[in-house]
PDB file of N, CA and C in Angstrom:
ATOM      1  N   UNK A   1      10.616  -8.329  -5.131  1.00  0.00           N
ATOM      2  CA  UNK A   1      10.959  -6.947  -4.907  1.00  0.00           C
ATOM      3  C   UNK A   1       9.822  -6.058  -5.396  1.00  0.00           C
ATOM      4  N   UNK A   2       9.547  -4.979  -4.672  1.00  0.00           N
ATOM      5  CA  UNK A   2       8.531  -4.018  -5.084  1.00  0.00           C
ATOM      6  C   UNK A   2       9.110  -3.178  -6.195  1.00  0.00           C
ATOM      7  N   UNK A   3       8.410  -3.118  -7.291  1.00  0.00           N
ATOM      8  CA  UNK A   3       8.865  -2.343  -8.438  1.00  0.00           C
ATOM      9  C   UNK A   3       8.304  -0.935  -8.387  1.00  0.00           C
ATOM     10  N   UNK A   4       9.137   0.033  -8.676  1.00  0.00           N
ATOM     11  CA  UNK A   4       8.666   1.407  -8.842  1.00  0.00           C
ATOM     12  C   UNK A   4       8.179   1.507 -10.270  1.00  0.00           C
ATOM     13  N   UNK A   5       6.932   1.878 -10.442  1.00  0.00           N
ATOM     14  CA  UNK A   5       6.324   1.863 -11.764  1.00  0.00           C
ATOM     15  C   UNK A   5       6.473   3.218 -12.424  1.00  0.00           C
ATOM     16  N   UNK A   6       6.711   3.198 -13.705  1.00  0.00           N
ATOM     17  CA  UNK A   6       6.906   4.415 -14.492  1.00  0.00           C
ATOM     18  C   UNK A   6       5.564   4.973 -14.957  1.00  0.00           C
ATOM     19  N   UNK A   7       5.562   6.243 -15.340  1.00  0.00           N
ATOM     20  CA  UNK A   7       4.357   6.856 -15.898  1.00  0.00           C
ATOM     21  C   UNK A   7       3.946   6.125 -17.164  1.00  0.00           C
ATOM     22  N   UNK A   8       2.655   6.064 -17.395  1.00  0.00           N
ATOM     23  CA  UNK A   8       2.136   5.379 -18.567  1.00  0.00           C
ATOM     24  C   UNK A   8       2.405   6.147 -19.850  1.00  0.00           C
ATOM     25  N   UNK A   9       2.472   5.446 -20.960  1.00  0.00           N
ATOM     26  CA  UNK A   9       2.689   6.068 -22.267  1.00  0.00           C
ATOM     27  C   UNK A   9       1.517   6.954 -22.670  1.00  0.00           C
ATOM     28  N   UNK A  10       0.360   6.706 -22.090  1.00  0.00           N
ATOM     29  CA  UNK A  10      -0.823   7.476 -22.448  1.00  0.00           C
ATOM     30  C   UNK A  10      -0.929   8.782 -21.654  1.00  0.00           C
ATOM     31  N   UNK A  11       0.107   9.120 -20.878  1.00  0.00           N
ATOM     32  CA  UNK A  11       0.089  10.348 -20.096  1.00  0.00           C
ATOM     33  C   UNK A  11      -0.430  10.153 -18.685  1.00  0.00           C
ATOM     34  N   UNK A  12      -0.985   8.973 -18.388  1.00  0.00           N
ATOM     35  CA  UNK A  12      -1.469   8.716 -17.040  1.00  0.00           C
ATOM     36  C   UNK A  12      -0.290   8.383 -16.136  1.00  0.00           C
ATOM     37  N   UNK A  13      -0.461   8.638 -14.865  1.00  0.00           N
ATOM     38  CA  UNK A  13       0.597   8.340 -13.907  1.00  0.00           C
ATOM     39  C   UNK A  13       0.338   6.996 -13.251  1.00  0.00           C
ATOM     40  N   UNK A  14       1.354   6.164 -13.191  1.00  0.00           N
ATOM     41  CA  UNK A  14       1.254   4.911 -12.461  1.00  0.00           C
ATOM     42  C   UNK A  14       1.590   5.186 -11.005  1.00  0.00           C
ATOM     43  N   UNK A  15       1.265   4.229 -10.158  1.00  0.00           N
ATOM     44  CA  UNK A  15       1.540   4.373  -8.737  1.00  0.00           C
ATOM     45  C   UNK A  15       2.913   3.815  -8.394  1.00  0.00           C
ATOM     46  N   UNK A  16       3.487   4.326  -7.330  1.00  0.00           N
ATOM     47  CA  UNK A  16       4.811   3.898  -6.885  1.00  0.00           C
ATOM     48  C   UNK A  16       4.775   2.490  -6.317  1.00  0.00           C
ATOM     49  N   UNK A  17       3.777   2.185  -5.497  1.00  0.00           N
ATOM     50  CA  UNK A  17       3.681   0.871  -4.865  1.00  0.00           C
ATOM     51  C   UNK A  17       2.602   0.034  -5.526  1.00  0.00           C
ATOM     52  N   UNK A  18       2.863  -1.243  -5.650  1.00  0.00           N
ATOM     53  CA  UNK A  18       1.914  -2.156  -6.276  1.00  0.00           C
ATOM     54  C   UNK A  18       0.898  -2.689  -5.277  1.00  0.00           C
ATOM     55  N   UNK A  19      -0.243  -3.130  -5.808  1.00  0.00           N
ATOM     56  CA  UNK A  19      -1.249  -3.818  -5.017  1.00  0.00           C
ATOM     57  C   UNK A  19      -0.610  -5.051  -4.395  1.00  0.00           C
ATOM     58  N   UNK A  20      -0.860  -5.290  -3.116  1.00  0.00           N
ATOM     59  CA  UNK A  20      -0.342  -6.409  -2.327  1.00  0.00           C
ATOM     60  C   UNK A  20       1.128  -6.264  -1.928  1.00  0.00           C
ATOM     61  N   UNK A  21       1.707  -5.068  -2.117  1.00  0.00           N
ATOM     62  CA  UNK A  21       3.063  -4.815  -1.631  1.00  0.00           C
ATOM     63  C   UNK A  21       3.048  -4.787  -0.108  1.00  0.00           C
ATOM     64  N   UNK A  22       4.066  -5.365   0.500  1.00  0.00           N
ATOM     65  CA  UNK A  22       4.222  -5.319   1.952  1.00  0.00           C
ATOM     66  C   UNK A  22       5.028  -4.062   2.279  1.00  0.00           C
ATOM     67  N   UNK A  23       4.512  -3.270   3.228  1.00  0.00           N
ATOM     68  CA  UNK A  23       5.145  -2.013   3.600  1.00  0.00           C
ATOM     69  C   UNK A  23       5.282  -1.910   5.121  1.00  0.00           C
ATOM     70  N   UNK A  24       6.250  -1.117   5.543  1.00  0.00           N
ATOM     71  CA  UNK A  24       6.372  -0.752   6.955  1.00  0.00           C
ATOM     72  C   UNK A  24       5.869   0.674   7.094  1.00  0.00           C
ATOM     73  N   UNK A  25       5.102   0.903   8.155  1.00  0.00           N
ATOM     74  CA  UNK A  25       4.580   2.236   8.420  1.00  0.00           C
ATOM     75  C   UNK A  25       5.563   2.945   9.341  1.00  0.00           C
ATOM     76  N   UNK A  26       5.972   4.121   8.954  1.00  0.00           N
ATOM     77  CA  UNK A  26       6.918   4.887   9.770  1.00  0.00           C
ATOM     78  C   UNK A  26       6.278   5.267  11.102  1.00  0.00           C
ATOM     79  N   UNK A  27       7.072   5.228  12.150  1.00  0.00           N
ATOM     80  CA  UNK A  27       6.598   5.577  13.489  1.00  0.00           C
ATOM     81  C   UNK A  27       5.977   6.969  13.479  1.00  0.00           C
ATOM     82  N   UNK A  28       4.852   7.106  14.121  1.00  0.00           N
ATOM     83  CA  UNK A  28       4.172   8.389  14.200  1.00  0.00           C
ATOM     84  C   UNK A  28       3.207   8.661  13.071  1.00  0.00           C
ATOM     85  N   UNK A  29       3.218   7.858  12.024  1.00  0.00           N
ATOM     86  CA  UNK A  29       2.303   8.060  10.895  1.00  0.00           C
ATOM     87  C   UNK A  29       0.880   7.745  11.313  1.00  0.00           C
ATOM     88  N   UNK A  30      -0.027   8.620  10.954  1.00  0.00           N
ATOM     89  CA  UNK A  30      -1.463   8.431  11.208  1.00  0.00           C
ATOM     90  C   UNK A  30      -1.736   8.095  12.666  1.00  0.00           C
ATOM     91  N   UNK A  31      -0.964   8.684  13.562  1.00  0.00           N
ATOM     92  CA  UNK A  31      -1.189   8.478  14.980  1.00  0.00           C
ATOM     93  C   UNK A  31      -0.651   7.158  15.513  1.00  0.00           C
ATOM     94  N   UNK A  32       0.090   6.448  14.712  1.00  0.00           N
ATOM     95  CA  UNK A  32       0.649   5.169  15.153  1.00  0.00           C
ATOM     96  C   UNK A  32       1.875   5.412  16.016  1.00  0.00           C
ATOM     97  N   UNK A  33       1.972   4.720  17.133  1.00  0.00           N
ATOM     98  CA  UNK A  33       3.098   4.887  18.046  1.00  0.00           C
ATOM     99  C   UNK A  33       4.259   3.968  17.691  1.00  0.00           C
ATOM    100  N   UNK A  34       3.988   2.911  16.951  1.00  0.00           N
ATOM    101  CA  UNK A  34       5.039   1.954  16.640  1.00  0.00           C
ATOM    102  C   UNK A  34       5.092   1.696  15.132  1.00  0.00           C
ATOM    103  N   UNK A  35       6.193   1.148  14.683  1.00  0.00           N
ATOM    104  CA  UNK A  35       6.325   0.804  13.273  1.00  0.00           C
ATOM    105  C   UNK A  35       5.678  -0.552  13.074  1.00  0.00           C
ATOM    106  N   UNK A  36       4.759  -0.625  12.129  1.00  0.00           N
ATOM    107  CA  UNK A  36       4.052  -1.870  11.862  1.00  0.00           C
ATOM    108  C   UNK A  36       4.164  -2.216  10.393  1.00  0.00           C
ATOM    109  N   UNK A  37       3.936  -3.474  10.106  1.00  0.00           N
ATOM    110  CA  UNK A  37       3.966  -3.945   8.726  1.00  0.00           C
ATOM    111  C   UNK A  37       2.537  -4.153   8.255  1.00  0.00           C
ATOM    112  N   UNK A  38       2.278  -3.799   7.005  1.00  0.00           N
ATOM    113  CA  UNK A  38       0.958  -3.953   6.430  1.00  0.00           C
ATOM    114  C   UNK A  38       1.043  -4.282   4.954  1.00  0.00           C
ATOM    115  N   UNK A  39      -0.127  -4.450   4.340  1.00  0.00           N
ATOM    116  CA  UNK A  39      -0.229  -4.828   2.934  1.00  0.00           C
ATOM    117  C   UNK A  39      -1.069  -3.801   2.191  1.00  0.00           C
ATOM    118  N   UNK A  40      -0.574  -3.332   1.057  1.00  0.00           N
ATOM    119  CA  UNK A  40      -1.299  -2.365   0.235  1.00  0.00           C
ATOM    120  C   UNK A  40      -2.493  -3.061  -0.421  1.00  0.00           C
ATOM    121  N   UNK A  41      -3.701  -2.552  -0.129  1.00  0.00           N
ATOM    122  CA  UNK A  41      -4.921  -3.095  -0.736  1.00  0.00           C
ATOM    123  C   UNK A  41      -5.564  -2.133  -1.717  1.00  0.00           C
ATOM    124  N   UNK A  42      -5.226  -0.857  -1.635  1.00  0.00           N
ATOM    125  CA  UNK A  42      -5.819   0.117  -2.537  1.00  0.00           C
ATOM    126  C   UNK A  42      -4.933   1.335  -2.684  1.00  0.00           C
ATOM    127  N   UNK A  43      -5.206   2.109  -3.736  1.00  0.00           N
ATOM    128  CA  UNK A  43      -4.395   3.286  -4.033  1.00  0.00           C
ATOM    129  C   UNK A  43      -5.277   4.422  -4.497  1.00  0.00           C
ATOM    130  N   UNK A  44      -4.832   5.646  -4.206  1.00  0.00           N
ATOM    131  CA  UNK A  44      -5.578   6.826  -4.609  1.00  0.00           C
ATOM    132  C   UNK A  44      -4.584   7.946  -4.918  1.00  0.00           C
ATOM    133  N   UNK A  45      -4.991   8.854  -5.793  1.00  0.00           N
ATOM    134  CA  UNK A  45      -4.131   9.988  -6.129  1.00  0.00           C
ATOM    135  C   UNK A  45      -4.953  11.268  -6.010  1.00  0.00           C
ATOM    136  N   UNK A  46      -4.401  12.242  -5.289  1.00  0.00           N
ATOM    137  CA  UNK A  46      -5.053  13.543  -5.136  1.00  0.00           C
ATOM    138  C   UNK A  46      -4.817  14.382  -6.391  1.00  0.00           C
ATOM    139  N   UNK A  47      -5.543  15.479  -6.514  1.00  0.00           N
ATOM    140  CA  UNK A  47      -5.397  16.358  -7.672  1.00  0.00           C
ATOM    141  C   UNK A  47      -3.980  16.903  -7.805  1.00  0.00           C
ATOM    142  N   UNK A  48      -3.274  17.045  -6.677  1.00  0.00           N
ATOM    143  CA  UNK A  48      -1.896  17.553  -6.736  1.00  0.00           C
ATOM    144  C   UNK A  48      -0.886  16.463  -7.098  1.00  0.00           C
ATOM    145  N   UNK A  49      -1.367  15.245  -7.326  1.00  0.00           N
ATOM    146  CA  UNK A  49      -0.505  14.144  -7.729  1.00  0.00           C
ATOM    147  C   UNK A  49       0.031  13.303  -6.588  1.00  0.00           C
ATOM    148  N   UNK A  50      -0.235  13.714  -5.348  1.00  0.00           N
ATOM    149  CA  UNK A  50       0.263  12.935  -4.213  1.00  0.00           C
ATOM    150  C   UNK A  50      -0.488  11.611  -4.110  1.00  0.00           C
ATOM    151  N   UNK A  51       0.235  10.587  -3.685  1.00  0.00           N
ATOM    152  CA  UNK A  51      -0.320   9.242  -3.603  1.00  0.00           C
ATOM    153  C   UNK A  51      -0.693   8.897  -2.167  1.00  0.00           C
ATOM    154  N   UNK A  52      -1.774   8.145  -2.014  1.00  0.00           N
ATOM    155  CA  UNK A  52      -2.188   7.607  -0.721  1.00  0.00           C
ATOM    156  C   UNK A  52      -2.533   6.139  -0.934  1.00  0.00           C
ATOM    157  N   UNK A  53      -2.340   5.356   0.112  1.00  0.00           N
ATOM    158  CA  UNK A  53      -2.522   3.911   0.018  1.00  0.00           C
ATOM    159  C   UNK A  53      -3.372   3.392   1.165  1.00  0.00           C
ATOM    160  N   UNK A  54      -4.298   2.489   0.850  1.00  0.00           N
ATOM    161  CA  UNK A  54      -5.058   1.770   1.864  1.00  0.00           C
ATOM    162  C   UNK A  54      -4.194   0.593   2.283  1.00  0.00           C
ATOM    163  N   UNK A  55      -3.782   0.596   3.550  1.00  0.00           N
ATOM    164  CA  UNK A  55      -2.885  -0.440   4.067  1.00  0.00           C
ATOM    165  C   UNK A  55      -3.640  -1.273   5.094  1.00  0.00           C
ATOM    166  N   UNK A  56      -3.635  -2.579   4.879  1.00  0.00           N
ATOM    167  CA  UNK A  56      -4.321  -3.530   5.755  1.00  0.00           C
ATOM    168  C   UNK A  56      -3.340  -4.057   6.790  1.00  0.00           C
ATOM    169  N   UNK A  57      -3.765  -3.994   8.064  1.00  0.00           N
ATOM    170  CA  UNK A  57      -2.973  -4.509   9.172  1.00  0.00           C
ATOM    171  C   UNK A  57      -3.636  -5.776   9.686  1.00  0.00           C
ATOM    172  N   UNK A  58      -3.094  -6.894   9.298  1.00  0.00           N
ATOM    173  CA  UNK A  58      -3.697  -8.191   9.605  1.00  0.00           C
ATOM    174  C   UNK A  58      -3.882  -8.402  11.100  1.00  0.00           C
ATOM    175  N   UNK A  59      -2.866  -8.038  11.909  1.00  0.00           N
ATOM    176  CA  UNK A  59      -2.932  -8.305  13.350  1.00  0.00           C
ATOM    177  C   UNK A  59      -4.086  -7.584  14.032  1.00  0.00           C
ATOM    178  N   UNK A  60      -4.532  -6.477  13.462  1.00  0.00           N
ATOM    179  CA  UNK A  60      -5.651  -5.720  14.026  1.00  0.00           C
ATOM    180  C   UNK A  60      -6.939  -5.888  13.226  1.00  0.00           C
ATOM    181  N   UNK A  61      -6.830  -6.432  12.042  1.00  0.00           N
ATOM    182  CA  UNK A  61      -8.003  -6.535  11.186  1.00  0.00           C
ATOM    183  C   UNK A  61      -8.501  -5.177  10.737  1.00  0.00           C
ATOM    184  N   UNK A  62      -7.586  -4.222  10.602  1.00  0.00           N
ATOM    185  CA  UNK A  62      -7.946  -2.845  10.246  1.00  0.00           C
ATOM    186  C   UNK A  62      -7.222  -2.398   8.993  1.00  0.00           C
ATOM    187  N   UNK A  63      -7.823  -1.422   8.316  1.00  0.00           N
ATOM    188  CA  UNK A  63      -7.201  -0.782   7.159  1.00  0.00           C
ATOM    189  C   UNK A  63      -7.128   0.711   7.429  1.00  0.00           C
ATOM    190  N   UNK A  64      -6.011   1.334   7.070  1.00  0.00           N
ATOM    191  CA  UNK A  64      -5.843   2.780   7.223  1.00  0.00           C
ATOM    192  C   UNK A  64      -5.353   3.367   5.909  1.00  0.00           C
ATOM    193  N   UNK A  65      -5.762   4.599   5.626  1.00  0.00           N
ATOM    194  CA  UNK A  65      -5.304   5.313   4.439  1.00  0.00           C
ATOM    195  C   UNK A  65      -4.090   6.138   4.843  1.00  0.00           C
ATOM    196  N   UNK A  66      -2.946   5.889   4.180  1.00  0.00           N
ATOM    197  CA  UNK A  66      -1.691   6.539   4.547  1.00  0.00           C
ATOM    198  C   UNK A  66      -1.006   7.141   3.324  1.00  0.00           C
ATOM    199  N   UNK A  67      -0.299   8.228   3.538  1.00  0.00           N
ATOM    200  CA  UNK A  67       0.458   8.882   2.467  1.00  0.00           C
ATOM    201  C   UNK A  67       1.693   8.054   2.126  1.00  0.00           C
ATOM    202  N   UNK A  68       2.139   8.158   0.890  1.00  0.00           N
ATOM    203  CA  UNK A  68       3.335   7.456   0.449  1.00  0.00           C
ATOM    204  C   UNK A  68       4.519   7.781   1.355  1.00  0.00           C
ATOM    205  N   UNK A  69       4.631   9.030   1.801  1.00  0.00           N
ATOM    206  CA  UNK A  69       5.752   9.454   2.656  1.00  0.00           C
ATOM    207  C   UNK A  69       5.781   8.706   3.986  1.00  0.00           C
ATOM    208  N   UNK A  70       4.661   8.126   4.400  1.00  0.00           N
ATOM    209  CA  UNK A  70       4.586   7.395   5.667  1.00  0.00           C
ATOM    210  C   UNK A  70       4.910   5.912   5.519  1.00  0.00           C
ATOM    211  N   UNK A  71       5.216   5.480   4.294  1.00  0.00           N
ATOM    212  CA  UNK A  71       5.409   4.053   4.032  1.00  0.00           C
ATOM    213  C   UNK A  71       6.811   3.748   3.531  1.00  0.00           C
ATOM    214  N   UNK A  72       7.338   2.614   3.960  1.00  0.00           N
ATOM    215  CA  UNK A  72       8.625   2.125   3.476  1.00  0.00           C
ATOM    216  C   UNK A  72       8.401   0.740   2.876  1.00  0.00           C
ATOM    217  N   UNK A  73       8.652   0.543   1.585  1.00  0.00           N
ATOM    218  CA  UNK A  73       8.466  -0.783   0.987  1.00  0.00           C
ATOM    219  C   UNK A  73       9.487  -1.776   1.539  1.00  0.00           C
ATOM    220  N   UNK A  74       9.052  -3.010   1.738  1.00  0.00           N
ATOM    221  CA  UNK A  74       9.949  -4.065   2.228  1.00  0.00           C
ATOM    222  C   UNK A  74      10.587  -4.837   1.086  1.00  0.00           C
ATOM    223  N   UNK A  75      10.030  -4.680  -0.124  1.00  0.00           N
ATOM    224  CA  UNK A  75      10.522  -5.443  -1.268  1.00  0.00           C
ATOM    225  C   UNK A  75       9.758  -6.736  -1.466  1.00  0.00           C
ATOM    226  N   UNK A  76       8.752  -6.971  -0.640  1.00  0.00           N
ATOM    227  CA  UNK A  76       7.963  -8.209  -0.737  1.00  0.00           C
ATOM    228  C   UNK A  76       6.581  -7.914  -1.311  1.00  0.00           C
ATOM    229  N   UNK A  77       6.006  -8.910  -1.963  1.00  0.00           N
ATOM    230  CA  UNK A  77       4.610  -8.881  -2.393  1.00  0.00           C
ATOM    231  C   UNK A  77       3.915 -10.083  -1.774  1.00  0.00           C
ATOM    232  N   UNK A  78       2.708  -9.885  -1.268  1.00  0.00           N
ATOM    233  CA  UNK A  78       1.927 -11.002  -0.741  1.00  0.00           C
ATOM    234  C   UNK A  78       1.185 -11.684  -1.882  1.00  0.00           C
ATOM    235  N   UNK A  79       0.932 -12.951  -1.696  1.00  0.00           N
ATOM    236  CA  UNK A  79       0.102 -13.686  -2.645  1.00  0.00           C
ATOM    237  C   UNK A  79      -1.360 -13.323  -2.391  1.00  0.00           C
ATOM    238  N   UNK A  80      -2.137 -13.226  -3.444  1.00  0.00           N
ATOM    239  CA  UNK A  80      -3.554 -12.893  -3.325  1.00  0.00           C
ATOM    240  C   UNK A  80      -4.272 -13.826  -2.339  1.00  0.00           C
ATOM    241  N   UNK A  81      -3.931 -15.103  -2.374  1.00  0.00           N
ATOM    242  CA  UNK A  81      -4.595 -16.081  -1.496  1.00  0.00           C
ATOM    243  C   UNK A  81      -4.292 -15.845  -0.023  1.00  0.00           C
ATOM    244  N   UNK A  82      -3.184 -15.120   0.265  1.00  0.00           N
ATOM    245  CA  UNK A  82      -2.831 -14.827   1.654  1.00  0.00           C
ATOM    246  C   UNK A  82      -3.638 -13.658   2.226  1.00  0.00           C
ATOM    247  N   UNK A  83      -4.296 -12.915   1.358  1.00  0.00           N
ATOM    248  CA  UNK A  83      -5.018 -11.725   1.782  1.00  0.00           C
ATOM    249  C   UNK A  83      -6.528 -11.870   1.631  1.00  0.00           C
ATOM    250  N   UNK A  84      -6.950 -12.427   0.501  1.00  0.00           N
ATOM    251  CA  UNK A  84      -8.378 -12.548   0.216  1.00  0.00           C
ATOM    252  C   UNK A  84      -8.850 -13.986   0.397  1.00  0.00           C
ATOM    253  N   UNK A  85     -10.040 -14.155   0.977  1.00  0.00           N
ATOM    254  CA  UNK A  85     -10.582 -15.509   1.143  1.00  0.00           C
ATOM    255  C   UNK A  85     -10.796 -16.194  -0.202  1.00  0.00           C
ATOM    256  N   UNK A  86     -10.700 -17.505  -0.205  1.00  0.00           N
ATOM    257  CA  UNK A  86     -10.931 -18.262  -1.435  1.00  0.00           C
ATOM    258  C   UNK A  86     -12.322 -17.971  -1.960  1.00  0.00           C
ATOM    259  N   UNK A  87     -12.434 -17.759  -3.269  1.00  0.00           N
ATOM    260  CA  UNK A  87     -13.720 -17.471  -3.881  1.00  0.00           C
ATOM    261  C   UNK A  87     -14.085 -16.004  -3.844  1.00  0.00           C
ATOM    262  N   UNK A  88     -13.230 -15.163  -3.239  1.00  0.00           N
ATOM    263  CA  UNK A  88     -13.486 -13.737  -3.174  1.00  0.00           C
ATOM    264  C   UNK A  88     -13.371 -13.118  -4.563  1.00  0.00           C
ATOM    265  N   UNK A  89     -14.127 -12.081  -4.827  1.00  0.00           N
ATOM    266  CA  UNK A  89     -14.099 -11.421  -6.137  1.00  0.00           C
ATOM    267  C   UNK A  89     -13.068 -10.307  -6.195  1.00  0.00           C
ATOM    268  N   UNK A  90     -12.274 -10.090  -5.163  1.00  0.00           N
ATOM    269  CA  UNK A  90     -11.258  -9.025  -5.148  1.00  0.00           C
ATOM    270  C   UNK A  90     -10.131  -9.341  -6.074  1.00  0.00           C
TER     271      UNK A  90
END
């Protein structure tokens, strides 16, 4: 299950979705016509606190940066070996 992470004790904000979380992209997000499943590979936070995620779409071999509002967590996490080649430094 994808865990919603709490703010850090040091005052820093944690992200809602974890690295390697499997997500569904809402229809119409980032110009997408269909709902697709992807894997979170990166995260970013704007000055206003809004979260954005780099989502990898295996079937296309593409990554897109999407807002949290455009993503629905599936409750699954991928194994690192399923995403990164063996011997990769990621």
